[in-house]
Protein backbone atom coordinates (compact mmCIF):
# COMPACT_ATOMS: atom_id res chain seq x y z
CA MET A 1 82.47 -30.48 -87.86
CA LEU A 2 83.59 -32.95 -85.19
CA ARG A 3 82.33 -36.36 -86.25
CA GLU A 4 83.83 -38.60 -83.56
CA LEU A 5 85.54 -38.10 -80.22
CA ARG A 6 87.38 -41.03 -78.62
CA ILE A 7 88.80 -40.91 -75.11
CA GLU A 8 90.83 -43.49 -73.18
CA ASN A 9 92.11 -43.34 -69.59
CA LEU A 10 91.49 -39.62 -69.12
CA LEU A 11 90.75 -38.99 -65.43
CA LEU A 12 87.37 -40.63 -64.69
CA ILE A 13 86.82 -41.87 -68.24
CA GLU A 14 88.35 -45.28 -68.95
CA ARG A 15 86.94 -45.48 -72.47
CA ALA A 16 84.35 -43.42 -74.32
CA GLU A 17 83.36 -42.85 -77.92
CA LEU A 18 81.02 -40.06 -78.96
CA ARG A 19 79.56 -39.93 -82.45
CA LEU A 20 78.39 -36.35 -82.54
CA GLY A 21 75.55 -35.10 -84.67
CA GLU A 22 75.03 -31.99 -86.71
CA TRP A 23 73.39 -28.93 -85.19
CA LEU A 24 73.12 -28.84 -81.39
CA ASN A 25 74.65 -31.59 -79.21
CA ALA A 26 73.96 -31.57 -75.46
CA ILE A 27 76.19 -33.26 -72.87
CA THR A 28 74.63 -33.59 -69.42
CA GLY A 29 75.22 -35.38 -66.13
CA GLU A 30 75.31 -34.96 -62.40
CA THR A 31 77.73 -32.45 -60.91
CA GLY A 32 81.11 -34.16 -60.56
CA ALA A 33 80.26 -36.90 -63.03
CA GLY A 34 83.08 -35.81 -65.32
CA LYS A 35 81.52 -33.46 -67.86
CA THR A 36 84.57 -31.20 -67.71
CA VAL A 37 86.74 -34.15 -68.72
CA LEU A 38 85.12 -33.95 -72.13
CA ALA A 39 85.92 -30.24 -72.30
CA HIS A 40 89.54 -30.95 -71.36
CA SER A 41 89.79 -33.67 -74.02
CA LEU A 42 88.82 -31.10 -76.67
CA ASP A 43 91.32 -28.63 -75.23
CA LEU A 44 94.04 -31.27 -75.67
CA LEU A 45 93.03 -31.76 -79.31
CA MET A 46 93.44 -28.01 -79.81
CA GLY A 47 97.03 -28.14 -78.56
CA GLY A 48 96.27 -27.17 -74.97
CA LYS A 49 98.60 -27.99 -72.10
CA ALA A 50 98.00 -31.29 -70.34
CA ARG A 51 97.04 -30.84 -66.71
CA SER A 52 98.94 -32.76 -64.05
CA GLN A 53 97.68 -36.21 -63.07
CA ILE A 54 95.10 -36.42 -65.87
CA VAL A 55 96.02 -40.02 -66.71
CA ARG A 56 93.61 -42.42 -65.05
CA PRO A 57 95.19 -44.16 -62.01
CA GLY A 58 96.76 -47.47 -63.03
CA ALA A 59 97.01 -46.57 -66.73
CA GLU A 60 100.29 -45.89 -68.53
CA GLU A 61 98.87 -43.23 -70.84
CA ALA A 62 95.76 -41.31 -71.83
CA TRP A 63 94.63 -40.94 -75.41
CA VAL A 64 92.26 -38.49 -77.13
CA GLU A 65 91.35 -38.67 -80.81
CA GLY A 66 89.00 -36.55 -82.88
CA VAL A 67 87.74 -37.05 -86.43
CA PHE A 68 86.89 -33.75 -88.12
CA ASP A 69 85.24 -33.01 -91.44
CA LEU A 70 87.37 -30.66 -93.50
CA PRO A 71 85.68 -27.45 -94.66
CA SER A 72 84.83 -27.16 -98.33
CA GLY A 73 87.75 -25.82 -100.35
CA TRP A 74 90.14 -26.36 -97.44
CA PRO A 75 92.65 -24.95 -96.84
CA THR A 76 91.94 -21.34 -97.63
CA GLU A 77 94.55 -20.07 -95.15
CA PRO A 78 98.21 -20.01 -96.32
CA GLU A 79 99.52 -21.01 -92.88
CA LEU A 80 97.69 -24.36 -93.16
CA GLY A 81 99.43 -25.31 -96.40
CA GLU A 82 102.07 -27.47 -94.68
CA ILE A 83 99.42 -29.40 -92.76
CA ALA A 84 97.32 -29.85 -95.91
CA ALA A 85 100.36 -31.31 -97.69
CA ARG A 86 100.29 -34.26 -95.28
CA LEU A 87 96.85 -35.36 -96.44
CA PRO A 88 96.01 -37.37 -99.57
CA ASP A 89 94.42 -35.50 -102.43
CA GLY A 90 90.67 -35.19 -102.07
CA ALA A 91 90.70 -35.94 -98.32
CA GLU A 92 87.40 -35.00 -96.69
CA GLU A 93 88.34 -35.57 -93.05
CA ILE A 94 91.34 -35.37 -90.75
CA VAL A 95 92.15 -37.32 -87.59
CA ILE A 96 93.79 -35.41 -84.75
CA GLY A 97 95.29 -37.32 -81.81
CA ARG A 98 96.96 -36.46 -78.50
CA ARG A 99 98.69 -38.90 -76.16
CA VAL A 100 99.66 -38.11 -72.55
CA SER A 101 101.90 -40.47 -70.59
CA ALA A 102 101.63 -41.01 -66.85
CA SER A 103 104.92 -39.10 -66.50
CA GLY A 104 103.33 -36.05 -68.14
CA ARG A 105 105.03 -36.29 -71.55
CA THR A 106 102.74 -35.61 -74.51
CA ALA A 107 102.72 -36.47 -78.19
CA ALA A 108 100.56 -35.06 -80.97
CA PHE A 109 99.42 -36.63 -84.24
CA LEU A 110 97.83 -35.34 -87.43
CA ALA A 111 96.52 -37.76 -90.02
CA GLY A 112 98.52 -40.58 -88.43
CA ARG A 113 101.81 -38.68 -88.49
CA ALA A 114 103.71 -37.07 -85.64
CA ALA A 115 102.99 -33.39 -85.17
CA SER A 116 103.54 -30.68 -82.58
CA ALA A 117 101.15 -29.08 -80.13
CA ALA A 118 101.61 -25.88 -82.14
CA ASP A 119 100.32 -27.71 -85.25
CA LEU A 120 97.24 -28.81 -83.32
CA LYS A 121 96.68 -25.30 -82.00
CA LEU A 122 96.95 -23.83 -85.50
CA LEU A 123 94.61 -26.35 -87.10
CA GLY A 124 92.26 -26.62 -84.12
CA GLY A 125 91.69 -22.88 -84.13
CA HIS A 126 90.22 -23.18 -87.64
CA LEU A 127 88.09 -26.23 -86.89
CA LEU A 128 86.76 -25.59 -83.41
CA ALA A 129 86.06 -22.59 -81.16
CA PHE A 130 85.83 -23.19 -77.41
CA TYR A 131 83.77 -21.06 -75.02
CA GLY A 132 84.05 -22.09 -71.38
CA GLN A 133 83.60 -20.69 -67.89
CA HIS A 134 87.13 -19.29 -68.07
CA GLU A 135 85.96 -17.28 -71.09
CA HIS A 136 83.82 -15.22 -68.72
CA ARG A 137 86.98 -13.98 -67.05
CA ARG A 138 88.85 -13.67 -70.34
CA LEU A 139 86.11 -11.48 -71.79
CA THR A 140 86.89 -8.84 -69.17
CA LEU A 141 90.44 -8.52 -70.51
CA ALA A 142 91.22 -5.69 -72.92
CA SER A 143 92.99 -8.04 -75.35
CA ALA A 144 89.95 -10.32 -75.59
CA GLN A 145 87.65 -7.35 -76.16
CA MET A 146 89.86 -6.15 -79.00
CA GLU A 147 89.64 -9.66 -80.49
CA VAL A 148 85.84 -9.39 -80.46
CA LEU A 149 85.86 -6.09 -82.37
CA ASP A 150 88.58 -7.13 -84.81
CA GLY A 151 86.98 -10.51 -85.43
CA PHE A 152 83.66 -8.84 -86.16
CA ALA A 153 85.39 -6.45 -88.59
CA GLY A 154 86.20 -9.44 -90.82
CA ALA A 155 89.02 -11.49 -92.31
CA ASP A 156 90.52 -8.63 -94.33
CA HIS A 157 90.73 -6.53 -91.18
CA LEU A 158 92.45 -9.37 -89.31
CA ALA A 159 94.96 -9.75 -92.15
CA LEU A 160 95.61 -6.00 -92.00
CA ARG A 161 96.16 -6.29 -88.24
CA GLU A 162 98.73 -9.03 -88.77
CA ARG A 163 100.61 -6.79 -91.20
CA TYR A 164 100.52 -4.01 -88.62
CA ARG A 165 101.84 -6.39 -85.94
CA GLU A 166 104.72 -7.40 -88.21
CA ALA A 167 105.58 -3.72 -88.75
CA HIS A 168 105.34 -3.07 -85.01
CA ARG A 169 107.66 -5.99 -84.23
CA GLU A 170 110.09 -4.72 -86.87
CA CYS A 171 110.06 -1.25 -85.30
CA ALA A 172 110.80 -2.72 -81.88
CA ARG A 173 113.61 -4.92 -83.21
CA LEU A 174 115.27 -2.09 -85.13
CA ALA A 175 114.95 0.29 -82.18
CA VAL A 176 116.72 -2.22 -79.93
CA GLU A 177 119.47 -2.77 -82.49
CA LEU A 178 119.96 0.97 -83.01
CA GLU A 179 120.18 1.56 -79.26
CA ALA A 180 122.77 -1.21 -78.94
CA LEU A 181 124.82 0.29 -81.78
CA ARG A 182 124.73 3.69 -80.10
CA GLU A 183 125.73 2.22 -76.76
CA ARG A 184 128.68 0.49 -78.41
CA ASP A 185 129.68 3.70 -80.15
CA GLY A 186 131.71 4.88 -77.16
CA SER A 187 133.70 1.67 -76.91
CA ARG A 188 134.00 1.18 -80.66
CA GLU A 189 137.13 3.34 -81.08
CA ARG A 190 138.75 1.74 -78.06
CA ASP A 191 138.05 -1.74 -79.40
CA LEU A 192 139.26 -0.72 -82.85
CA ASP A 193 142.54 0.58 -81.39
CA LEU A 194 143.07 -2.67 -79.52
CA TYR A 195 142.36 -4.91 -82.53
CA ARG A 196 144.50 -2.76 -84.81
CA TYR A 197 147.40 -2.77 -82.34
CA GLU A 198 147.30 -6.56 -81.96
CA LEU A 199 147.01 -7.09 -85.72
CA ASP A 200 149.91 -4.70 -86.42
CA GLU A 201 151.98 -6.52 -83.80
CA ILE A 202 151.35 -9.88 -85.47
CA GLU A 203 151.78 -8.60 -89.02
CA GLU A 204 155.07 -6.90 -88.09
CA VAL A 205 156.52 -10.20 -86.89
CA ALA A 206 154.70 -12.21 -89.59
CA PRO A 207 155.36 -15.59 -87.94
CA ASP A 208 155.54 -18.75 -90.01
CA PRO A 209 155.51 -22.29 -88.54
CA ALA A 210 158.12 -23.60 -91.01
CA GLU A 211 160.42 -20.62 -90.47
CA GLU A 212 160.37 -21.12 -86.71
CA ALA A 213 161.68 -24.68 -87.06
CA GLU A 214 164.45 -23.60 -89.42
CA LEU A 215 165.54 -20.73 -87.18
CA SER A 216 165.61 -22.99 -84.12
CA ALA A 217 167.93 -25.41 -85.93
CA GLU A 218 170.20 -22.60 -87.14
CA ARG A 219 170.37 -21.14 -83.65
CA GLU A 220 171.63 -24.46 -82.28
CA ARG A 221 174.35 -24.59 -84.95
CA LEU A 222 175.51 -21.06 -84.20
CA ARG A 223 175.52 -21.64 -80.46
CA HIS A 224 177.86 -24.65 -80.92
CA ALA A 225 179.80 -23.42 -83.97
CA GLU A 226 183.35 -23.87 -82.52
CA GLY A 227 182.76 -27.39 -81.29
CA LEU A 228 181.13 -28.36 -84.59
CA ARG A 229 184.09 -26.89 -86.54
CA GLU A 230 186.65 -28.75 -84.46
CA ALA A 231 184.76 -32.02 -84.94
CA ALA A 232 184.61 -31.50 -88.71
CA ILE A 233 188.36 -30.66 -88.91
CA GLY A 234 189.23 -33.80 -86.94
CA ALA A 235 187.02 -35.93 -89.14
CA LEU A 236 188.56 -34.46 -92.31
CA ALA A 237 192.07 -35.17 -90.99
CA GLY A 238 191.07 -38.75 -90.37
CA VAL A 239 189.83 -39.06 -93.93
CA ILE A 240 192.66 -37.38 -95.86
CA GLY A 241 195.46 -37.14 -93.24
CA ALA A 242 197.38 -34.07 -92.17
CA GLU A 243 198.64 -31.84 -94.99
CA GLU A 244 202.26 -32.18 -93.84
CA ASP A 245 202.43 -35.96 -93.61
CA GLY A 246 199.57 -37.23 -95.82
CA GLY A 247 198.12 -40.57 -94.76
CA GLY A 248 194.64 -40.91 -93.45
CA ALA A 249 191.88 -43.24 -94.57
CA THR A 250 192.09 -42.05 -98.18
CA SER A 251 195.77 -42.95 -98.46
CA ALA A 252 195.23 -46.34 -96.80
CA LEU A 253 192.41 -47.17 -99.17
CA ALA A 254 194.53 -46.16 -102.16
CA GLY A 255 197.31 -48.52 -101.00
CA ALA A 256 194.89 -51.41 -100.49
CA GLU A 257 193.36 -50.85 -103.89
CA SER A 258 196.85 -50.84 -105.50
CA GLN A 259 197.69 -54.16 -103.88
CA LEU A 260 194.61 -55.81 -105.31
CA GLN A 261 195.12 -54.40 -108.79
CA GLY A 262 198.32 -56.46 -109.07
CA ALA A 263 196.26 -59.62 -108.92
CA ALA A 264 193.41 -58.44 -111.10
CA GLY A 265 191.85 -60.92 -113.50
CA VAL A 266 193.02 -64.06 -111.68
CA ASP A 267 190.18 -64.63 -109.17
CA ASN A 268 186.67 -63.26 -109.61
CA GLU A 269 186.06 -63.17 -105.86
CA LEU A 270 189.10 -61.01 -105.27
CA ASP A 271 188.20 -58.81 -108.20
CA ALA A 272 184.79 -58.17 -106.59
CA LEU A 273 186.45 -57.12 -103.36
CA ALA A 274 188.75 -54.76 -105.30
CA GLU A 275 185.69 -53.20 -106.90
CA ARG A 276 184.13 -52.63 -103.49
CA LEU A 277 187.34 -50.95 -102.28
CA GLY A 278 187.15 -48.63 -105.29
CA GLY A 279 183.60 -47.67 -104.37
CA LEU A 280 184.68 -46.92 -100.80
CA ALA A 281 187.42 -44.68 -102.08
CA VAL A 282 184.93 -42.70 -104.18
CA GLU A 283 182.51 -42.41 -101.22
CA LEU A 284 185.32 -41.33 -98.92
CA GLY A 285 186.29 -38.65 -101.43
CA ASP A 286 182.69 -37.35 -101.41
CA VAL A 287 182.68 -37.27 -97.59
CA ALA A 288 185.92 -35.31 -97.62
CA GLY A 289 184.40 -32.77 -100.04
CA ASP A 290 181.28 -32.39 -97.89
CA LEU A 291 183.39 -31.88 -94.77
CA ARG A 292 185.34 -29.11 -96.49
CA ALA A 293 182.06 -27.44 -97.58
CA TYR A 294 180.68 -27.74 -94.05
CA LEU A 295 183.80 -26.08 -92.65
CA ASP A 296 183.32 -23.21 -95.07
CA ARG A 297 179.78 -22.67 -93.75
CA VAL A 298 180.24 -23.19 -90.04
CA GLU A 299 181.68 -20.07 -88.55
CA ALA A 300 180.86 -18.31 -85.31
CA ASP A 301 178.68 -15.29 -86.24
CA PRO A 302 177.56 -13.44 -83.09
CA GLY A 303 175.56 -10.93 -85.13
CA ARG A 304 173.55 -13.59 -86.91
CA LEU A 305 172.97 -15.48 -83.66
CA ALA A 306 171.67 -12.31 -81.97
CA ALA A 307 169.31 -11.64 -84.88
CA ILE A 308 167.93 -15.17 -84.73
CA GLU A 309 167.51 -14.99 -80.96
CA GLU A 310 165.61 -11.71 -81.32
CA ARG A 311 163.39 -13.12 -84.04
CA LEU A 312 162.53 -16.26 -82.07
CA ASP A 313 161.87 -14.19 -78.93
CA ALA A 314 159.39 -12.06 -80.87
CA ILE A 315 157.58 -15.18 -82.14
CA ASP A 316 157.59 -16.69 -78.63
CA ARG A 317 156.01 -13.56 -77.13
CA LEU A 318 153.18 -13.77 -79.65
CA ARG A 319 152.73 -17.49 -78.96
CA ARG A 320 152.42 -16.97 -75.22
CA LYS A 321 150.02 -14.07 -75.74
CA HIS A 322 147.70 -15.71 -78.27
CA GLY A 323 147.25 -19.39 -77.54
CA GLY A 324 150.62 -21.15 -77.39
CA SER A 325 151.31 -21.87 -81.07
CA VAL A 326 152.07 -20.01 -84.28
CA GLU A 327 148.82 -21.39 -85.71
CA SER A 328 146.78 -19.84 -82.86
CA VAL A 329 148.61 -16.52 -83.39
CA LEU A 330 147.62 -16.51 -87.07
CA ALA A 331 144.01 -17.44 -86.15
CA HIS A 332 143.88 -14.48 -83.75
CA ALA A 333 145.12 -12.20 -86.50
CA GLU A 334 142.21 -13.33 -88.68
CA ARG A 335 139.76 -12.64 -85.84
CA CYS A 336 141.24 -9.16 -85.46
CA ARG A 337 140.69 -8.48 -89.16
CA GLU A 338 137.05 -9.64 -88.90
CA GLU A 339 136.37 -7.49 -85.82
CA ILE A 340 138.02 -4.47 -87.42
CA GLU A 341 135.83 -4.92 -90.48
CA ARG A 342 132.72 -5.29 -88.32
CA LEU A 343 133.49 -2.28 -86.16
CA GLU A 344 134.46 -0.12 -89.11
CA GLY A 345 131.12 -1.09 -90.69
CA ALA A 346 129.18 -0.33 -87.49
CA GLU A 347 128.81 3.30 -88.43
CA THR A 348 127.44 2.30 -91.82
CA ARG A 349 125.18 -0.29 -90.14
CA GLY A 350 123.89 2.38 -87.77
CA ALA A 351 122.86 4.55 -90.70
CA GLU A 352 121.20 1.56 -92.38
CA VAL A 353 119.27 0.62 -89.22
CA GLU A 354 118.18 4.21 -88.68
CA ALA A 355 116.86 4.42 -92.24
CA ALA A 356 115.11 1.05 -91.88
CA LEU A 357 113.51 2.20 -88.62
CA VAL A 358 112.16 5.32 -90.29
CA GLU A 359 110.71 3.19 -93.11
CA ALA A 360 109.18 0.66 -90.66
CA THR A 361 107.74 3.45 -88.53
CA THR A 362 106.14 5.05 -91.58
CA ARG A 363 104.70 1.71 -92.67
CA ARG A 364 103.35 1.05 -89.16
CA GLU A 365 101.73 4.49 -89.05
CA LYS A 366 99.97 3.94 -92.38
CA LEU A 367 98.77 0.48 -91.38
CA GLY A 368 97.72 1.79 -87.96
CA LYS A 369 95.57 4.47 -89.54
CA ARG A 370 93.84 1.91 -91.76
CA LEU A 371 93.36 -0.38 -88.78
CA SER A 372 91.84 2.43 -86.73
CA LYS A 373 89.50 3.31 -89.59
CA GLY A 374 88.34 -0.31 -89.85
CA ARG A 375 87.69 -0.53 -86.12
CA ALA A 376 85.76 2.73 -86.08
CA ALA A 377 83.61 1.47 -88.97
CA ALA A 378 82.85 -1.80 -87.14
CA VAL A 379 81.75 -0.21 -83.86
CA GLU A 380 78.19 0.72 -84.77
CA PRO A 381 77.33 -2.54 -86.61
CA LEU A 382 78.73 -4.55 -83.68
CA ARG A 383 76.76 -2.50 -81.17
CA ALA A 384 73.53 -2.96 -83.11
CA ARG A 385 74.12 -6.68 -83.67
CA VAL A 386 74.87 -7.38 -80.01
CA ALA A 387 71.87 -5.28 -78.87
CA ALA A 388 69.63 -7.42 -81.06
CA GLU A 389 71.22 -10.62 -79.73
CA LEU A 390 70.83 -9.49 -76.11
CA ASP A 391 67.21 -8.61 -76.76
CA ALA A 392 66.68 -12.15 -78.01
CA LEU A 393 68.44 -13.44 -74.88
CA ALA A 394 65.90 -11.81 -72.54
CA MET A 395 67.94 -8.67 -71.95
CA PRO A 396 65.67 -6.13 -73.69
CA GLY A 397 67.07 -2.64 -73.79
CA ALA A 398 70.56 -3.82 -72.92
CA GLU A 399 73.24 -1.97 -74.84
CA LEU A 400 76.86 -2.62 -75.68
CA GLU A 401 79.16 0.33 -76.05
CA VAL A 402 82.57 0.02 -77.74
CA GLU A 403 85.02 2.61 -76.49
CA LEU A 404 88.14 3.30 -78.52
CA ALA A 405 90.92 5.21 -76.77
CA SER A 406 94.40 6.23 -77.93
CA HIS A 407 97.06 3.77 -76.87
CA PRO A 408 99.13 5.25 -74.01
CA ASP A 409 102.35 4.54 -75.95
CA GLY A 410 101.01 5.92 -79.20
CA PHE A 411 101.43 2.56 -80.92
CA GLY A 412 100.66 -0.75 -79.24
CA PRO A 413 101.22 -4.35 -80.39
CA SER A 414 97.77 -4.39 -82.05
CA GLY A 415 97.25 -0.80 -83.12
CA ARG A 416 97.01 2.83 -82.16
CA GLU A 417 94.11 2.35 -79.77
CA THR A 418 92.79 0.26 -76.94
CA VAL A 419 89.30 -1.27 -76.97
CA GLU A 420 86.92 -1.50 -74.04
CA LEU A 421 83.49 -3.09 -74.18
CA ARG A 422 81.02 -1.44 -71.84
CA VAL A 423 77.54 -2.77 -71.21
CA ALA A 424 74.32 -1.37 -69.80
CA PRO A 425 72.36 -4.52 -68.79
CA ASN A 426 69.15 -2.58 -68.24
CA PRO A 427 67.56 0.46 -69.85
CA GLY A 428 68.45 3.76 -68.23
CA MET A 429 71.72 2.49 -66.80
CA ALA A 430 74.98 4.10 -67.84
CA PRO A 431 77.28 1.68 -69.66
CA ALA A 432 80.05 0.32 -67.43
CA PRO A 433 82.99 -2.07 -68.01
CA LEU A 434 81.96 -5.70 -68.34
CA ARG A 435 83.74 -6.68 -65.11
CA ASP A 436 81.61 -4.18 -63.16
CA ALA A 437 78.28 -4.02 -64.98
CA ALA A 438 77.23 -7.61 -65.59
CA SER A 439 76.24 -10.35 -63.18
CA GLY A 440 77.35 -13.93 -63.83
CA GLY A 441 74.20 -14.78 -65.77
CA GLU A 442 74.27 -11.50 -67.67
CA LEU A 443 77.91 -11.99 -68.55
CA SER A 444 77.10 -15.48 -69.83
CA ARG A 445 74.48 -14.02 -72.14
CA VAL A 446 76.77 -11.23 -73.30
CA MET A 447 79.35 -13.86 -74.14
CA LEU A 448 76.76 -15.92 -75.98
CA ALA A 449 75.68 -12.81 -77.91
CA LEU A 450 79.31 -12.26 -78.93
CA SER A 451 80.00 -15.90 -79.80
CA GLY A 452 80.28 -16.55 -83.46
CA LEU A 453 81.04 -12.88 -84.12
CA GLY A 454 84.73 -12.89 -83.28
CA GLU A 455 87.76 -15.03 -83.87
CA GLY A 456 85.77 -18.29 -83.70
CA ALA A 457 83.32 -17.19 -86.36
CA GLY A 458 84.92 -19.30 -89.07
CA ALA A 459 85.15 -22.51 -87.02
CA GLY A 460 82.82 -25.35 -88.00
CA THR A 461 82.25 -26.45 -84.41
CA LEU A 462 81.43 -24.26 -81.40
CA VAL A 463 81.85 -25.81 -77.94
CA PHE A 464 80.18 -24.23 -74.90
CA ASP A 465 81.20 -25.50 -71.46
CA GLU A 466 78.40 -24.54 -69.04
CA ILE A 467 78.04 -21.12 -70.62
CA ASP A 468 74.54 -21.10 -69.14
CA ALA A 469 75.88 -20.86 -65.57
CA GLY A 470 73.86 -18.35 -63.55
CA VAL A 471 70.91 -18.57 -65.95
CA GLY A 472 67.54 -20.06 -65.11
CA GLY A 473 63.79 -19.92 -65.69
CA LYS A 474 62.48 -18.45 -68.92
CA THR A 475 65.91 -17.02 -69.72
CA ALA A 476 67.33 -20.54 -69.80
CA ARG A 477 64.90 -21.42 -72.59
CA VAL A 478 65.95 -18.31 -74.51
CA VAL A 479 69.62 -19.26 -74.11
CA GLY A 480 68.85 -22.73 -75.38
CA GLU A 481 67.03 -21.35 -78.41
CA ARG A 482 70.02 -19.10 -79.16
CA LEU A 483 72.33 -22.12 -78.98
CA ARG A 484 69.99 -24.08 -81.26
CA ALA A 485 69.91 -21.15 -83.70
CA LEU A 486 73.71 -21.15 -83.76
CA GLY A 487 73.52 -24.87 -84.50
CA GLU A 488 71.48 -24.28 -87.64
CA GLY A 489 74.55 -22.96 -89.40
CA ARG A 490 77.22 -25.11 -87.78
CA GLN A 491 77.78 -27.82 -85.19
CA VAL A 492 77.35 -26.77 -81.55
CA VAL A 493 78.39 -28.86 -78.55
CA CYS A 494 77.02 -27.65 -75.22
CA ILE A 495 77.97 -29.08 -71.82
CA THR A 496 74.98 -27.96 -69.75
CA HIS A 497 73.09 -28.43 -66.52
CA LEU A 498 69.88 -26.82 -67.79
CA PRO A 499 67.00 -29.05 -68.95
CA GLN A 500 65.65 -26.14 -71.03
CA VAL A 501 68.86 -26.23 -73.10
CA ALA A 502 69.25 -30.00 -73.25
CA SER A 503 65.65 -30.48 -74.41
CA LEU A 504 66.40 -28.48 -77.57
CA ALA A 505 69.32 -30.68 -78.67
CA PRO A 506 68.69 -33.24 -81.43
CA THR A 507 71.70 -35.20 -80.11
CA HIS A 508 72.05 -35.86 -76.39
CA PHE A 509 74.83 -37.56 -74.37
CA ARG A 510 74.81 -38.33 -70.67
CA ILE A 511 77.93 -38.83 -68.60
CA GLU A 512 77.45 -40.92 -65.47
CA LYS A 513 79.89 -41.77 -62.67
CA ASP A 514 80.07 -45.28 -61.22
CA LEU A 515 81.29 -45.31 -57.61
CA ASP A 516 81.03 -49.10 -57.26
CA VAL A 517 84.35 -49.64 -59.06
CA GLU A 518 87.85 -48.73 -57.87
CA PRO A 519 88.93 -46.25 -59.02
CA ALA A 520 85.62 -44.55 -59.83
CA ALA A 521 84.78 -44.49 -63.53
CA ALA A 522 82.57 -42.39 -65.76
CA THR A 523 80.73 -43.64 -68.82
CA VAL A 524 79.29 -41.65 -71.70
CA GLN A 525 76.08 -42.82 -73.33
CA ARG A 526 74.08 -41.43 -76.24
CA LEU A 527 70.45 -41.09 -75.30
CA ASP A 528 67.39 -41.67 -77.43
CA GLY A 529 63.67 -41.88 -76.81
CA GLU A 530 62.86 -42.69 -73.19
CA GLY A 531 66.48 -42.23 -72.20
CA VAL A 532 66.22 -38.55 -73.11
CA VAL A 533 62.92 -38.24 -71.23
CA GLU A 534 64.46 -39.81 -68.12
CA GLU A 535 67.50 -37.50 -68.22
CA ILE A 536 65.39 -34.36 -68.69
CA ARG A 537 63.24 -35.49 -65.76
CA ARG A 538 66.37 -35.91 -63.63
CA MET A 539 67.61 -32.46 -64.63
CA LEU A 540 64.24 -30.96 -63.67
CA GLY A 541 64.79 -32.36 -60.20
CA GLY A 542 61.58 -34.35 -60.20
CA GLU A 543 61.02 -37.76 -58.71
CA SER A 544 60.18 -40.75 -60.85
CA THR A 545 56.51 -39.88 -60.89
CA GLU A 546 54.01 -39.64 -63.65
CA ALA A 547 53.78 -35.85 -63.20
CA ALA A 548 57.55 -35.38 -63.40
CA THR A 549 57.76 -37.56 -66.47
CA ARG A 550 54.89 -35.65 -68.09
CA HIS A 551 56.71 -32.38 -67.37
CA ALA A 552 59.84 -33.71 -69.12
CA ARG A 553 57.80 -34.85 -72.12
CA GLU A 554 56.12 -31.46 -72.38
CA LEU A 555 59.47 -29.73 -72.33
CA LEU A 556 60.73 -31.95 -75.13
CA ALA A 557 57.52 -31.53 -77.11
CA ALA A 558 57.82 -27.75 -76.89
CA ALA A 559 61.22 -27.98 -78.56
């Protein structure tokens, strides 16, 4: 149940704290005093979207916080396991918070830790069920009517429906994938031919970054072979001299070395210089040998040059075609291999998807049949239960009819059928769709008869926002008694304008607007004793007379 509700800077409410009681809680006030602000604060705690300009003028942010008792044995639902892990062992309550900035940004909190609006929606749906004026309109929707029937059928039925929905989603996904594979079938061979051609082209050339550098250097040598040969011959002549006359640097060094050998052993300094000359002679001999070897290698070879030019041209064409470098060419080749593998496997994938679709379709059909059987079994008990509830709500003889029809597509997102609730508000009338058959007050009572039977049945707190709209007189008292009866098994919070309802609530809050401040502000006060009498008298529309006060007391005494 909801133990405490704290609100700060939310529209008219600057600050309010409600300590709610068990059973039935009534929230009353003049029209426009801000009762719906309380409803919106609960909607925020359940992960609802923040409306524009809900932050009180002049404030930087609005804040809503609720303290909830945790149900015994919580959590029993697997999807709440992650949220439960955030709480200390043995926790008996959880604090849910929502902050809205003036700019419209929101933040959510669970047990003092950051959370998402989706977390609040998931948890809030298990703690609190909200029935407001918008629910009147929602109840006329086919999806909401199916929720009523499925919720009444029980938790096992709802779990079965979720399994069906998973199978249905799987069928849809596989059907889309299979269609895409079939559409690509026509272009598959064309794409395969292209990728194979480009891969063959690259593999035939087999470019290598290191090879390209070596070939470029060799091409330069071959292009300038004659000039390089002449330079090497001239250099060799300078080293060893012409064959016919000798001389050259080698001969000169030999003569210099001979001159110094005649004075060897006399002066260490000169001996060192002679040693250096000897080293030069050896080095010069090595240079001469290398020049001769170079001359043996460097020869004009037009055939080799043409082959290198052709090879480099082939590499260059690939570079220009696939990214500008040998590395990008090799990367494209790898992509071609991957695409070829994918496309060659598409046929196999198509067969796999087709088989999976058959299996998913079979599973969906079996689950759909079980779901249909469960719905059919729940129709009569729901009809009888609602008829009894409507009788208690001053609609004797009213009947609810549940019509199951085959889904126009064979299989829908929630099963093989559609659900329509039809009501006959008075005896002898033919049942008609809710949107046509029931007046505002009658629809309110139908909704009240259905409350607690559907998806909100497991919630510990039921919130009704002016569900008694369009109801008055004796019927108002009956509606109040139904709300009080609901409160015997769980906490009920009712925002109401009816004194017959408010008088039955053990816990009563009044919201009052103060126009003497700027901007206008609303305050929330818990009423006791004479405060309750005074508020009931106001709701009855009586003046502050002894008779009006006596009427209010009588109404409270009758509770």
